[in-house]
Amino acid sequence: MTYPLLEFLSGLEGEENAEVTKAKYELLKDSNMTDYVASLWQEINDSDEVPEEFVKKREEVLERLSLFTEETSKIDELLNDESVVSNLRSDKVANLKFLEQQHGVTIQMVDMLYDFGRFQYSCASYADAAHLLDQFRILSTDNDKASSASWGKLAADILTQNWEVAMEEVNKVKESIDTKLFNNPLAQLEHRTWLIHWTLFPFFNYEAARDTITEMLFSPSFINTIQTNCPWILRYLAAAVITNRSRTRNTGAYQKQLKDLVRVVRQEGYEYNDPVTEFVKALYVDFDFEEAQKKLSEAEEVLKGDFFLSASAGLFVEAARHLISESYCKIHQRIDIKYVLRRSWSLPMPSDRVADTAQGSVREIRPQPR
């Protein structure tokens, strides 16, 4: 899950590619991606030679791949046979008994699916890993391994950018945390923390997931997790709420989210802040429009260098400009359009668009006749 972030860093101006390459190597050196790891070693050491250790490990990986394929072929065929699958029920114990009696399937064969799935994940064969871990999860009665398989499948679906399926897995993992760990608050906190970080991938790459994840993060259990364990997530929650303005600004749900965001940013200001959260504080807590404009400029630079937010930096800035205009107009009985233009739209923008947009903001918040 860390590799995409390192790949992003390697494309940023000013980053030391040699350091990023070393970080990639350290991250992947124990994986089964032998050819790629060898190429990283060659790049780091400026060598055309491939050390014997990589050649030997490659042979071992291919041998294990062949062995896993052979040992899981029978159960894989069974789980792809409609006549067999149609006889499976929700009772895993009964399913295992049926498969054992009718087809000679053993617990060891089921566990082999899990081991093969982890092996394929280490080879970066994420689609195959997701398939194998899903098959294991269908049959296994080992709750700990089934939970681990769910996390592995979620990771594989994220890395293949299979966002729709990944969101289904997010909901399954969330449900598992809520139900199976209810007697272990510390484990719930840790698992929710991991889930929050992993959901950032679909959060900012899959439009259909935006509302679902925003609602989840604002739920009491998850907002408590953010405040307790990972307050830096407020940057992403703030960015999501602000960029949602153009889609949902007139709805009660959006206004509630904005209100909740301001409340949490105010509460957590002593624990965490960055230009994004400071923009929210300046605008909605201090009502300091000059400071809000200053923080917006800083926030734009921060977003451009953020793996998850770089693609939405422009949308954030434009939505934030509207919010500055709207907030100014809402708290003043007399509105100085020149001041609004200067404070809200001082960042580069064609002058004709500045005037039209600022005046549009004024019209949007003007009370309508009943």
Protein backbone atom coordinates (compact mmCIF):
# COMPACT_ATOMS: atom_id res chain seq x y z
CA MET A 1 0.00 0.00 0.00
CA THR A 2 3.00 2.28 0.47
CA TYR A 3 4.43 1.75 -3.01
CA PRO A 4 1.96 4.04 -4.87
CA LEU A 5 2.97 6.88 -2.52
CA LEU A 6 6.65 6.34 -3.29
CA GLU A 7 5.87 6.25 -7.01
CA PHE A 8 4.08 9.58 -6.62
CA LEU A 9 7.09 11.08 -4.83
CA SER A 10 9.40 10.04 -7.65
CA GLY A 11 7.40 12.23 -10.02
CA LEU A 12 7.54 15.39 -7.89
CA GLU A 13 9.96 18.16 -8.77
CA GLY A 14 12.70 18.62 -6.21
CA GLU A 15 12.52 15.08 -4.88
CA GLU A 16 15.74 13.09 -4.75
CA ASN A 17 14.95 10.13 -7.01
CA ALA A 18 17.92 8.20 -5.64
CA GLU A 19 16.44 8.36 -2.14
CA VAL A 20 13.01 7.32 -3.41
CA THR A 21 14.57 4.38 -5.26
CA LYS A 22 16.32 3.27 -2.07
CA ALA A 23 13.02 3.53 -0.20
CA LYS A 24 11.33 1.36 -2.84
CA TYR A 25 14.09 -1.20 -2.54
CA GLU A 26 13.85 -1.34 1.26
CA LEU A 27 10.07 -1.70 1.01
CA LEU A 28 10.10 -4.54 -1.54
CA LYS A 29 13.36 -6.41 -0.94
CA ASP A 30 11.64 -9.16 1.07
CA SER A 31 8.76 -9.55 -1.40
CA ASN A 32 8.51 -12.02 -4.27
CA MET A 33 8.88 -9.25 -6.89
CA THR A 34 12.36 -10.55 -7.63
CA ASP A 35 12.88 -9.09 -11.11
CA TYR A 36 11.76 -5.61 -10.08
CA VAL A 37 13.77 -5.69 -6.85
CA ALA A 38 16.84 -6.74 -8.85
CA SER A 39 16.32 -3.80 -11.22
CA LEU A 40 16.12 -1.42 -8.23
CA TRP A 41 19.37 -2.86 -6.87
CA GLN A 42 21.03 -2.32 -10.27
CA GLU A 43 19.80 1.29 -10.34
CA ILE A 44 21.02 2.00 -6.81
CA ASN A 45 24.42 0.43 -7.43
CA ASP A 46 24.75 1.62 -11.04
CA SER A 47 25.43 -1.93 -12.18
CA ASP A 48 24.45 -4.07 -15.16
CA GLU A 49 25.10 -7.26 -13.21
CA VAL A 50 22.39 -9.11 -11.29
CA PRO A 51 23.68 -10.64 -8.02
CA GLU A 52 23.33 -14.39 -7.65
CA GLU A 53 21.00 -14.02 -4.67
CA PHE A 54 18.31 -12.50 -6.93
CA VAL A 55 18.70 -15.24 -9.53
CA LYS A 56 18.40 -17.90 -6.82
CA LYS A 57 15.36 -16.26 -5.23
CA ARG A 58 13.65 -15.96 -8.62
CA GLU A 59 14.03 -19.70 -9.15
CA GLU A 60 12.62 -20.37 -5.68
CA VAL A 61 9.63 -18.13 -6.34
CA LEU A 62 8.84 -19.86 -9.64
CA GLU A 63 9.15 -23.26 -7.96
CA ARG A 64 6.77 -22.25 -5.17
CA LEU A 65 4.34 -20.79 -7.70
CA SER A 66 4.24 -24.09 -9.56
CA LEU A 67 3.73 -26.02 -6.32
CA PHE A 68 0.93 -23.74 -5.09
CA THR A 69 -0.83 -23.92 -8.46
CA GLU A 70 -0.74 -27.70 -8.43
CA GLU A 71 -1.88 -28.06 -4.81
CA THR A 72 -4.82 -25.65 -5.16
CA SER A 73 -5.97 -26.74 -8.62
CA LYS A 74 -8.57 -29.21 -7.32
CA ILE A 75 -10.31 -26.86 -4.89
CA ASP A 76 -10.11 -24.00 -7.37
CA GLU A 77 -11.87 -26.10 -10.00
CA LEU A 78 -14.55 -27.10 -7.49
CA LEU A 79 -15.26 -23.50 -6.51
CA ASN A 80 -15.61 -22.57 -10.16
CA ASP A 81 -18.04 -25.43 -10.83
CA GLU A 82 -21.59 -24.11 -10.72
CA SER A 83 -23.01 -27.52 -9.80
CA VAL A 84 -20.81 -27.55 -6.70
CA VAL A 85 -21.26 -23.89 -5.74
CA SER A 86 -25.05 -24.19 -5.98
CA ASN A 87 -24.96 -26.71 -3.12
CA LEU A 88 -23.08 -24.37 -0.76
CA ARG A 89 -24.99 -22.62 2.00
CA SER A 90 -24.29 -19.85 4.52
CA ASP A 91 -23.21 -22.47 7.08
CA LYS A 92 -19.46 -22.84 6.59
CA VAL A 93 -19.23 -25.96 8.76
CA ALA A 94 -21.90 -27.67 6.66
CA ASN A 95 -20.15 -26.55 3.47
CA LEU A 96 -16.84 -28.04 4.57
CA LYS A 97 -18.55 -31.29 5.52
CA PHE A 98 -20.26 -31.44 2.13
CA LEU A 99 -17.03 -30.76 0.24
CA GLU A 100 -15.13 -33.28 2.34
CA GLN A 101 -17.70 -36.04 1.91
CA GLN A 102 -18.48 -35.43 -1.75
CA HIS A 103 -15.17 -34.18 -3.12
CA GLY A 104 -12.43 -35.03 -0.63
CA VAL A 105 -11.66 -31.41 0.34
CA THR A 106 -9.67 -31.00 3.58
CA ILE A 107 -9.00 -28.07 5.92
CA GLN A 108 -5.40 -28.12 4.71
CA MET A 109 -6.57 -27.58 1.13
CA VAL A 110 -8.66 -24.60 2.23
CA ASP A 111 -5.73 -23.11 4.16
CA MET A 112 -3.59 -23.52 1.04
CA LEU A 113 -5.84 -20.96 -0.69
CA TYR A 114 -4.91 -18.45 2.02
CA ASP A 115 -1.20 -19.17 1.72
CA PHE A 116 -1.33 -18.98 -2.08
CA GLY A 117 -3.25 -15.69 -1.89
CA ARG A 118 -0.58 -14.16 0.32
CA PHE A 119 2.11 -15.50 -1.99
CA GLN A 120 0.46 -13.95 -5.05
CA TYR A 121 0.08 -10.64 -3.21
CA SER A 122 3.81 -10.66 -2.51
CA CYS A 123 4.37 -11.26 -6.24
CA ALA A 124 2.22 -8.18 -7.03
CA SER A 125 -0.32 -10.46 -8.73
CA TYR A 126 -3.11 -8.60 -6.97
CA ALA A 127 -6.07 -9.79 -9.04
CA ASP A 128 -5.07 -13.43 -8.45
CA ALA A 129 -4.52 -12.70 -4.76
CA ALA A 130 -8.00 -11.16 -4.43
CA HIS A 131 -9.56 -14.20 -6.11
CA LEU A 132 -7.77 -16.71 -3.87
CA LEU A 133 -8.42 -14.82 -0.64
CA ASP A 134 -12.10 -14.51 -1.53
CA GLN A 135 -12.33 -18.27 -2.14
CA PHE A 136 -10.64 -18.94 1.20
CA ARG A 137 -12.99 -16.57 2.99
CA ILE A 138 -16.03 -18.37 1.62
CA LEU A 139 -15.00 -21.67 3.20
CA SER A 140 -12.79 -20.95 6.21
CA THR A 141 -14.13 -21.27 9.75
CA ASP A 142 -10.97 -19.63 11.15
CA ASN A 143 -12.24 -16.17 12.07
CA ASP A 144 -8.78 -14.64 12.49
CA LYS A 145 -7.58 -15.85 9.10
CA ALA A 146 -10.88 -14.89 7.44
CA SER A 147 -10.47 -11.36 8.85
CA SER A 148 -6.89 -11.23 7.58
CA ALA A 149 -8.09 -12.43 4.17
CA SER A 150 -10.66 -9.61 4.07
CA TRP A 151 -7.97 -7.02 4.70
CA GLY A 152 -5.77 -8.67 2.07
CA LYS A 153 -8.56 -8.67 -0.50
CA LEU A 154 -9.32 -5.01 0.22
CA ALA A 155 -5.67 -4.13 -0.32
CA ALA A 156 -5.55 -6.12 -3.56
CA ASP A 157 -8.72 -4.46 -4.87
CA ILE A 158 -7.30 -1.02 -4.05
CA LEU A 159 -4.01 -1.76 -5.79
CA THR A 160 -5.84 -2.97 -8.92
CA GLN A 161 -8.04 0.17 -8.69
CA ASN A 162 -11.15 -2.00 -8.67
CA TRP A 163 -12.96 0.73 -6.77
CA GLU A 164 -16.51 -0.60 -6.84
CA VAL A 165 -15.45 -3.95 -5.38
CA ALA A 166 -13.07 -2.20 -2.98
CA MET A 167 -16.00 -0.25 -1.54
CA GLU A 168 -17.88 -3.49 -1.00
CA GLU A 169 -14.87 -4.74 0.93
CA VAL A 170 -14.70 -1.52 2.96
CA ASN A 171 -18.26 -2.14 4.12
CA LYS A 172 -17.47 -5.77 4.99
CA VAL A 173 -14.40 -4.80 7.00
CA LYS A 174 -16.34 -2.03 8.77
CA GLU A 175 -19.11 -4.46 9.68
CA SER A 176 -16.55 -6.96 10.96
CA ILE A 177 -14.95 -4.30 13.16
CA ASP A 178 -18.33 -3.26 14.56
CA THR A 179 -19.61 -6.78 15.27
CA LYS A 180 -16.68 -9.13 15.86
CA LEU A 181 -14.53 -6.75 17.89
CA PHE A 182 -17.25 -5.16 20.01
CA ASN A 183 -15.75 -6.68 23.19
CA ASN A 184 -12.29 -5.24 22.40
CA PRO A 185 -12.38 -1.42 22.19
CA LEU A 186 -8.61 -1.11 21.68
CA ALA A 187 -8.68 -3.51 18.73
CA GLN A 188 -11.65 -1.62 17.30
CA LEU A 189 -9.69 1.63 17.57
CA GLU A 190 -6.65 0.13 15.83
CA HIS A 191 -8.66 -1.49 13.05
CA ARG A 192 -10.73 1.63 12.42
CA THR A 193 -7.52 3.63 12.21
CA TRP A 194 -6.19 1.33 9.50
CA LEU A 195 -9.51 1.36 7.65
CA ILE A 196 -9.64 5.16 7.69
CA HIS A 197 -6.22 5.37 6.06
CA TRP A 198 -6.99 2.71 3.45
CA THR A 199 -10.29 4.36 2.48
CA LEU A 200 -8.34 7.43 1.36
CA PHE A 201 -7.56 5.54 -1.85
CA PRO A 202 -11.18 5.19 -3.07
CA PHE A 203 -12.15 8.43 -1.28
CA PHE A 204 -10.24 10.58 -3.76
CA ASN A 205 -10.19 8.25 -6.79
CA TYR A 206 -13.79 7.06 -7.04
CA GLU A 207 -16.50 9.70 -7.20
CA ALA A 208 -19.27 7.27 -6.25
CA ALA A 209 -17.51 6.56 -2.94
CA ARG A 210 -17.21 10.18 -1.82
CA ASP A 211 -20.55 10.54 -0.02
CA THR A 212 -20.42 7.07 1.53
CA ILE A 213 -16.94 7.53 2.99
CA THR A 214 -17.64 11.10 4.13
CA GLU A 215 -20.71 9.87 6.00
CA MET A 216 -18.70 7.02 7.52
CA LEU A 217 -15.89 9.31 8.71
CA PHE A 218 -18.38 11.69 10.34
CA SER A 219 -20.10 8.85 12.22
CA PRO A 220 -19.44 8.96 16.00
CA SER A 221 -17.16 5.92 16.16
CA PHE A 222 -14.96 7.05 13.26
CA ILE A 223 -14.75 10.75 14.14
CA ASN A 224 -13.75 9.63 17.63
CA THR A 225 -11.04 7.44 16.09
CA ILE A 226 -9.76 10.38 14.05
CA GLN A 227 -9.64 12.65 17.10
CA THR A 228 -7.98 9.97 19.26
CA ASN A 229 -5.56 8.27 16.91
CA CYS A 230 -5.10 10.11 13.61
CA PRO A 231 -6.05 13.82 13.67
CA TRP A 232 -4.08 14.41 10.47
CA ILE A 233 -7.00 12.82 8.61
CA LEU A 234 -8.81 16.12 9.20
CA ARG A 235 -6.89 17.49 6.20
CA TYR A 236 -8.59 14.95 3.94
CA LEU A 237 -11.99 15.30 5.56
CA ALA A 238 -11.80 19.08 5.22
CA ALA A 239 -10.72 18.81 1.58
CA ALA A 240 -13.60 16.43 0.84
CA VAL A 241 -16.22 18.63 2.49
CA ILE A 242 -14.99 21.81 0.79
CA THR A 243 -14.74 20.25 -2.68
CA ASN A 244 -18.23 18.78 -2.19
CA ARG A 245 -19.59 22.32 -2.10
CA SER A 246 -20.45 22.47 -5.79
CA ARG A 247 -22.49 19.25 -5.57
CA THR A 248 -24.30 19.52 -2.28
CA ARG A 249 -23.91 23.00 -0.79
CA ASN A 250 -27.66 23.65 -0.54
CA THR A 251 -28.52 20.43 1.24
CA GLY A 252 -28.99 19.98 4.95
CA ALA A 253 -26.49 17.11 4.93
CA TYR A 254 -23.73 19.33 3.56
CA GLN A 255 -24.40 22.11 6.05
CA LYS A 256 -24.30 19.56 8.88
CA GLN A 257 -21.01 18.15 7.60
CA LEU A 258 -19.54 21.64 7.39
CA LYS A 259 -20.73 22.43 10.91
CA ASP A 260 -19.29 19.14 12.24
CA LEU A 261 -16.01 19.80 10.44
CA VAL A 262 -15.66 23.26 11.98
CA ARG A 263 -16.43 21.83 15.43
CA VAL A 264 -13.77 19.12 15.15
CA VAL A 265 -11.16 21.45 13.64
CA ARG A 266 -11.72 23.85 16.54
CA GLN A 267 -11.43 21.06 19.11
CA GLU A 268 -8.32 19.50 17.58
CA GLY A 269 -6.45 22.72 16.76
CA TYR A 270 -4.10 22.19 19.70
CA GLU A 271 -3.32 18.63 18.54
CA TYR A 272 -3.03 19.01 14.77
CA ASN A 273 -3.14 21.76 12.17
CA ASP A 274 -1.98 22.37 8.63
CA PRO A 275 -2.85 25.03 6.03
CA VAL A 276 -6.07 23.19 5.09
CA THR A 277 -7.44 23.00 8.63
CA GLU A 278 -6.09 26.48 9.39
CA PHE A 279 -8.07 27.79 6.42
CA VAL A 280 -11.24 26.30 7.94
CA LYS A 281 -10.43 27.83 11.32
CA ALA A 282 -9.64 31.26 9.89
CA LEU A 283 -12.84 31.33 7.86
CA TYR A 284 -15.39 29.73 10.19
CA VAL A 285 -13.97 30.16 13.70
CA ASP A 286 -12.08 33.47 13.59
CA PHE A 287 -13.92 35.01 10.60
CA ASP A 288 -10.56 36.41 9.55
CA PHE A 289 -10.85 36.73 5.77
CA GLU A 290 -7.32 37.99 5.21
CA GLU A 291 -5.90 35.06 7.15
CA ALA A 292 -8.22 32.67 5.28
CA GLN A 293 -6.89 33.97 1.95
CA LYS A 294 -3.31 33.54 3.17
CA LYS A 295 -3.97 29.98 4.34
CA LEU A 296 -5.73 29.16 1.08
CA SER A 297 -2.55 30.03 -0.83
CA GLU A 298 -0.54 27.79 1.48
CA ALA A 299 -3.13 25.02 1.28
CA GLU A 300 -2.93 24.98 -2.51
CA GLU A 301 0.78 24.19 -2.35
CA VAL A 302 0.22 21.52 0.29
CA LEU A 303 -2.48 19.83 -1.80
CA LYS A 304 -0.32 19.80 -4.92
CA GLY A 305 2.27 17.79 -3.02
CA ASP A 306 -0.21 15.36 -1.45
CA PHE A 307 -0.65 11.95 -3.12
CA PHE A 308 -4.38 11.81 -2.42
CA LEU A 309 -5.28 15.46 -2.97
CA SER A 310 -3.05 16.66 -5.81
CA ALA A 311 -5.66 15.96 -8.50
CA SER A 312 -8.32 17.98 -6.68
CA ALA A 313 -6.16 20.98 -5.70
CA GLY A 314 -7.75 23.24 -8.32
CA LEU A 315 -11.28 22.22 -7.38
CA PHE A 316 -10.49 22.84 -3.71
CA VAL A 317 -9.17 26.34 -4.35
CA GLU A 318 -12.15 27.35 -6.46
CA ALA A 319 -14.66 25.98 -3.92
CA ALA A 320 -12.76 27.70 -1.09
CA ARG A 321 -12.91 31.04 -2.92
CA HIS A 322 -16.68 30.69 -3.15
CA LEU A 323 -16.88 29.90 0.56
CA ILE A 324 -14.87 33.04 1.43
CA SER A 325 -17.26 35.15 -0.64
CA GLU A 326 -20.35 33.51 0.84
CA SER A 327 -19.11 33.80 4.43
CA TYR A 328 -18.24 37.47 3.99
CA CYS A 329 -21.61 38.24 2.45
CA LYS A 330 -23.54 36.36 5.13
CA ILE A 331 -22.09 38.31 8.06
CA HIS A 332 -22.22 41.79 6.51
CA GLN A 333 -25.36 43.83 5.86
CA ARG A 334 -23.50 46.05 3.39
CA ILE A 335 -21.23 44.32 0.89
CA ASP A 336 -18.17 45.92 -0.67
CA ILE A 337 -17.81 44.05 -3.96
CA LYS A 338 -14.29 45.40 -4.44
CA TYR A 339 -13.30 43.98 -1.06
CA VAL A 340 -14.85 40.61 -1.93
CA LEU A 341 -12.96 40.57 -5.21
CA ARG A 342 -9.69 41.46 -3.52
CA ARG A 343 -9.99 38.99 -0.66
CA SER A 344 -11.68 36.03 -2.31
CA TRP A 345 -10.18 36.08 -5.78
CA SER A 346 -6.67 37.41 -5.36
CA LEU A 347 -5.18 34.17 -6.70
CA PRO A 348 -4.59 34.06 -10.47
CA MET A 349 -7.85 34.10 -12.45
CA PRO A 350 -9.08 36.01 -15.51
CA SER A 351 -10.56 39.33 -14.37
CA ASP A 352 -13.88 38.83 -16.18
CA ARG A 353 -14.35 35.46 -14.48
CA VAL A 354 -13.46 36.99 -11.10
CA ALA A 355 -16.20 39.57 -11.34
CA ASP A 356 -18.83 37.17 -12.65
CA THR A 357 -18.05 34.54 -10.04
CA ALA A 358 -17.96 36.94 -7.09
CA GLN A 359 -21.25 38.54 -8.11
CA GLY A 360 -22.68 35.05 -8.58
CA SER A 361 -21.75 34.23 -4.99
CA VAL A 362 -23.57 37.33 -3.80
CA ARG A 363 -26.72 36.30 -5.71
CA GLU A 364 -26.53 32.76 -4.31
CA ILE A 365 -26.70 33.88 -0.69
CA ARG A 366 -29.21 36.72 -1.23
CA PRO A 367 -32.48 35.89 0.53
CA GLN A 368 -35.13 34.75 -1.94
CA PRO A 369 -38.70 36.15 -1.86
CA ARG A 370 -41.22 33.73 -0.36
